[in-house]
Amino acid sequence: MSTHADQSVSRRTSDGNRATEIAGLLTRLAVLMSEQPPNTEVPQPMPVRVLLTVEEAAERLHIGKTKTYTLVKSGEIESVLIGRLRRIHIDAIDAYTARLINQQTTTQKAA
């Protein structure tokens, strides 16, 4: 029958073996990590989104969402439906702003 002292010695020996095993594993891990070349890949930037939500288009134009919906409904800003989702192409925003600038410069010249 084993005594309390025998169990204590056995536990310490087991703990010593475990500590040695952990130290060995950490050493192996360090060697493996040092052998791998550093990650030199340059992350690619996200591509520019070409289809925006009405809210995103409103932010881009610095106008309200309701005004943007009105412009879409009137056809002043072209949009597309993808299923039930309405999207505005960035070229449609550029075309709208170009028309605004053209109309204002024409009006100013006439005045």
C-alpha atoms as a PDB file:
ATOM      1  CA  MET A   1       0.000   0.000   0.000  1.00  0.00           C
ATOM      2  CA  SER A   2       1.432   3.408  -0.929  1.00  0.00           C
ATOM      3  CA  THR A   3       1.725   6.138   1.618  1.00  0.00           C
ATOM      4  CA  HIS A   4       0.996   9.806   1.324  1.00  0.00           C
ATOM      5  CA  ALA A   5       4.750  10.511   1.051  1.00  0.00           C
ATOM      6  CA  ASP A   6       5.101   8.038  -1.859  1.00  0.00           C
ATOM      7  CA  GLN A   7       2.255   9.748  -3.749  1.00  0.00           C
ATOM      8  CA  SER A   8       3.818  13.175  -3.174  1.00  0.00           C
ATOM      9  CA  VAL A   9       7.191  12.034  -4.587  1.00  0.00           C
ATOM     10  CA  SER A  10       5.460  10.402  -7.546  1.00  0.00           C
ATOM     11  CA  ARG A  11       3.480  13.590  -8.248  1.00  0.00           C
ATOM     12  CA  ARG A  12       6.626  15.752  -8.133  1.00  0.00           C
ATOM     13  CA  THR A  13       8.421  13.408 -10.522  1.00  0.00           C
ATOM     14  CA  SER A  14       5.432  13.488 -12.862  1.00  0.00           C
ATOM     15  CA  ASP A  15       5.313  17.306 -12.654  1.00  0.00           C
ATOM     16  CA  GLY A  16       9.044  17.437 -13.430  1.00  0.00           C
ATOM     17  CA  ASN A  17       8.594  15.228 -16.481  1.00  0.00           C
ATOM     18  CA  ARG A  18       5.664  17.358 -17.620  1.00  0.00           C
ATOM     19  CA  ALA A  19       7.663  20.579 -17.231  1.00  0.00           C
ATOM     20  CA  THR A  20      10.513  19.045 -19.218  1.00  0.00           C
ATOM     21  CA  GLU A  21       8.057  17.930 -21.919  1.00  0.00           C
ATOM     22  CA  ILE A  22       6.492  21.415 -22.135  1.00  0.00           C
ATOM     23  CA  ALA A  23       9.939  23.034 -22.338  1.00  0.00           C
ATOM     24  CA  GLY A  24      10.880  20.676 -25.164  1.00  0.00           C
ATOM     25  CA  LEU A  25       7.688  21.450 -27.060  1.00  0.00           C
ATOM     26  CA  LEU A  26       8.231  25.194 -26.670  1.00  0.00           C
ATOM     27  CA  THR A  27      11.782  24.828 -27.980  1.00  0.00           C
ATOM     28  CA  ARG A  28      10.535  22.879 -31.013  1.00  0.00           C
ATOM     29  CA  LEU A  29       7.873  25.515 -31.641  1.00  0.00           C
ATOM     30  CA  ALA A  30      10.454  28.310 -31.484  1.00  0.00           C
ATOM     31  CA  VAL A  31      12.657  26.483 -34.004  1.00  0.00           C
ATOM     32  CA  LEU A  32       9.734  25.926 -36.386  1.00  0.00           C
ATOM     33  CA  MET A  33       8.672  29.563 -36.165  1.00  0.00           C
ATOM     34  CA  SER A  34      12.208  30.810 -36.845  1.00  0.00           C
ATOM     35  CA  GLU A  35      12.534  28.562 -39.912  1.00  0.00           C
ATOM     36  CA  GLN A  36       9.458  30.001 -41.613  1.00  0.00           C
ATOM     37  CA  PRO A  37      10.084  32.998 -43.843  1.00  0.00           C
ATOM     38  CA  PRO A  38       8.305  36.164 -42.715  1.00  0.00           C
ATOM     39  CA  ASN A  39       5.052  36.968 -44.454  1.00  0.00           C
ATOM     40  CA  THR A  40       6.120  39.541 -47.047  1.00  0.00           C
ATOM     41  CA  GLU A  41       2.851  39.636 -48.957  1.00  0.00           C
ATOM     42  CA  VAL A  42       1.488  43.113 -49.355  1.00  0.00           C
ATOM     43  CA  PRO A  43      -2.249  43.072 -48.690  1.00  0.00           C
ATOM     44  CA  GLN A  44      -4.234  44.035 -51.755  1.00  0.00           C
ATOM     45  CA  PRO A  45      -6.572  46.995 -51.305  1.00  0.00           C
ATOM     46  CA  MET A  46     -10.257  46.332 -51.546  1.00  0.00           C
ATOM     47  CA  PRO A  47     -11.570  47.011 -55.028  1.00  0.00           C
ATOM     48  CA  VAL A  48     -13.637  50.139 -55.397  1.00  0.00           C
ATOM     49  CA  ARG A  49     -17.310  49.322 -55.101  1.00  0.00           C
ATOM     50  CA  VAL A  50     -19.234  50.241 -58.226  1.00  0.00           C
ATOM     51  CA  LEU A  51     -22.764  49.674 -56.934  1.00  0.00           C
ATOM     52  CA  LEU A  52     -23.832  51.662 -53.916  1.00  0.00           C
ATOM     53  CA  THR A  53     -26.929  51.586 -51.767  1.00  0.00           C
ATOM     54  CA  VAL A  54     -29.132  54.672 -51.845  1.00  0.00           C
ATOM     55  CA  GLU A  55     -27.811  55.583 -48.401  1.00  0.00           C
ATOM     56  CA  GLU A  56     -24.193  55.295 -49.572  1.00  0.00           C
ATOM     57  CA  ALA A  57     -24.957  57.385 -52.658  1.00  0.00           C
ATOM     58  CA  ALA A  58     -26.567  60.025 -50.423  1.00  0.00           C
ATOM     59  CA  GLU A  59     -23.445  60.101 -48.243  1.00  0.00           C
ATOM     60  CA  ARG A  60     -21.254  60.425 -51.303  1.00  0.00           C
ATOM     61  CA  LEU A  61     -23.344  63.351 -52.571  1.00  0.00           C
ATOM     62  CA  HIS A  62     -23.615  64.862 -49.075  1.00  0.00           C
ATOM     63  CA  ILE A  63     -27.382  65.019 -49.338  1.00  0.00           C
ATOM     64  CA  GLY A  64     -30.182  63.330 -47.446  1.00  0.00           C
ATOM     65  CA  LYS A  65     -31.423  59.826 -48.050  1.00  0.00           C
ATOM     66  CA  THR A  66     -34.966  61.084 -48.782  1.00  0.00           C
ATOM     67  CA  LYS A  67     -33.680  63.547 -51.404  1.00  0.00           C
ATOM     68  CA  THR A  68     -31.651  60.764 -53.006  1.00  0.00           C
ATOM     69  CA  TYR A  69     -34.717  58.503 -53.184  1.00  0.00           C
ATOM     70  CA  THR A  70     -36.609  61.409 -54.811  1.00  0.00           C
ATOM     71  CA  LEU A  71     -33.849  61.832 -57.406  1.00  0.00           C
ATOM     72  CA  VAL A  72     -33.876  58.098 -58.118  1.00  0.00           C
ATOM     73  CA  LYS A  73     -37.676  58.011 -58.420  1.00  0.00           C
ATOM     74  CA  SER A  74     -37.662  60.973 -60.834  1.00  0.00           C
ATOM     75  CA  GLY A  75     -34.927  59.352 -62.936  1.00  0.00           C
ATOM     76  CA  GLU A  76     -32.402  62.123 -62.344  1.00  0.00           C
ATOM     77  CA  ILE A  77     -30.125  59.499 -60.820  1.00  0.00           C
ATOM     78  CA  GLU A  78     -30.205  56.168 -62.629  1.00  0.00           C
ATOM     79  CA  SER A  79     -30.422  53.028 -60.540  1.00  0.00           C
ATOM     80  CA  VAL A  80     -30.824  49.283 -60.951  1.00  0.00           C
ATOM     81  CA  LEU A  81     -32.751  46.640 -59.085  1.00  0.00           C
ATOM     82  CA  ILE A  82     -31.013  43.458 -58.055  1.00  0.00           C
ATOM     83  CA  GLY A  83     -33.858  41.350 -56.802  1.00  0.00           C
ATOM     84  CA  ARG A  84     -35.514  43.703 -54.320  1.00  0.00           C
ATOM     85  CA  LEU A  85     -32.355  45.720 -53.690  1.00  0.00           C
ATOM     86  CA  ARG A  86     -31.927  49.130 -55.319  1.00  0.00           C
ATOM     87  CA  ARG A  87     -28.360  50.031 -56.230  1.00  0.00           C
ATOM     88  CA  ILE A  88     -26.824  53.111 -57.819  1.00  0.00           C
ATOM     89  CA  HIS A  89     -23.777  52.799 -60.059  1.00  0.00           C
ATOM     90  CA  ILE A  90     -21.004  55.254 -59.241  1.00  0.00           C
ATOM     91  CA  ASP A  91     -21.055  56.422 -62.880  1.00  0.00           C
ATOM     92  CA  ALA A  92     -24.703  57.449 -62.380  1.00  0.00           C
ATOM     93  CA  ILE A  93     -23.619  59.653 -59.488  1.00  0.00           C
ATOM     94  CA  ASP A  94     -20.833  61.149 -61.601  1.00  0.00           C
ATOM     95  CA  ALA A  95     -23.271  61.752 -64.484  1.00  0.00           C
ATOM     96  CA  TYR A  96     -25.759  63.450 -62.145  1.00  0.00           C
ATOM     97  CA  THR A  97     -23.114  65.770 -60.711  1.00  0.00           C
ATOM     98  CA  ALA A  98     -21.785  66.563 -64.199  1.00  0.00           C
ATOM     99  CA  ARG A  99     -25.333  67.516 -65.300  1.00  0.00           C
ATOM    100  CA  LEU A 100     -25.722  69.750 -62.239  1.00  0.00           C
ATOM    101  CA  ILE A 101     -22.448  71.529 -62.985  1.00  0.00           C
ATOM    102  CA  ASN A 102     -23.328  71.877 -66.675  1.00  0.00           C
ATOM    103  CA  GLN A 103     -26.790  73.283 -65.870  1.00  0.00           C
ATOM    104  CA  GLN A 104     -25.375  75.789 -63.404  1.00  0.00           C
ATOM    105  CA  THR A 105     -22.613  77.000 -65.702  1.00  0.00           C
ATOM    106  CA  THR A 106     -25.101  77.334 -68.570  1.00  0.00           C
ATOM    107  CA  THR A 107     -27.516  79.286 -66.331  1.00  0.00           C
ATOM    108  CA  GLN A 108     -24.729  81.575 -65.125  1.00  0.00           C
ATOM    109  CA  LYS A 109     -23.593  82.294 -68.704  1.00  0.00           C
ATOM    110  CA  ALA A 110     -27.145  83.146 -69.762  1.00  0.00           C
ATOM    111  CA  ALA A 111     -27.580  85.567 -66.866  1.00  0.00           C
END
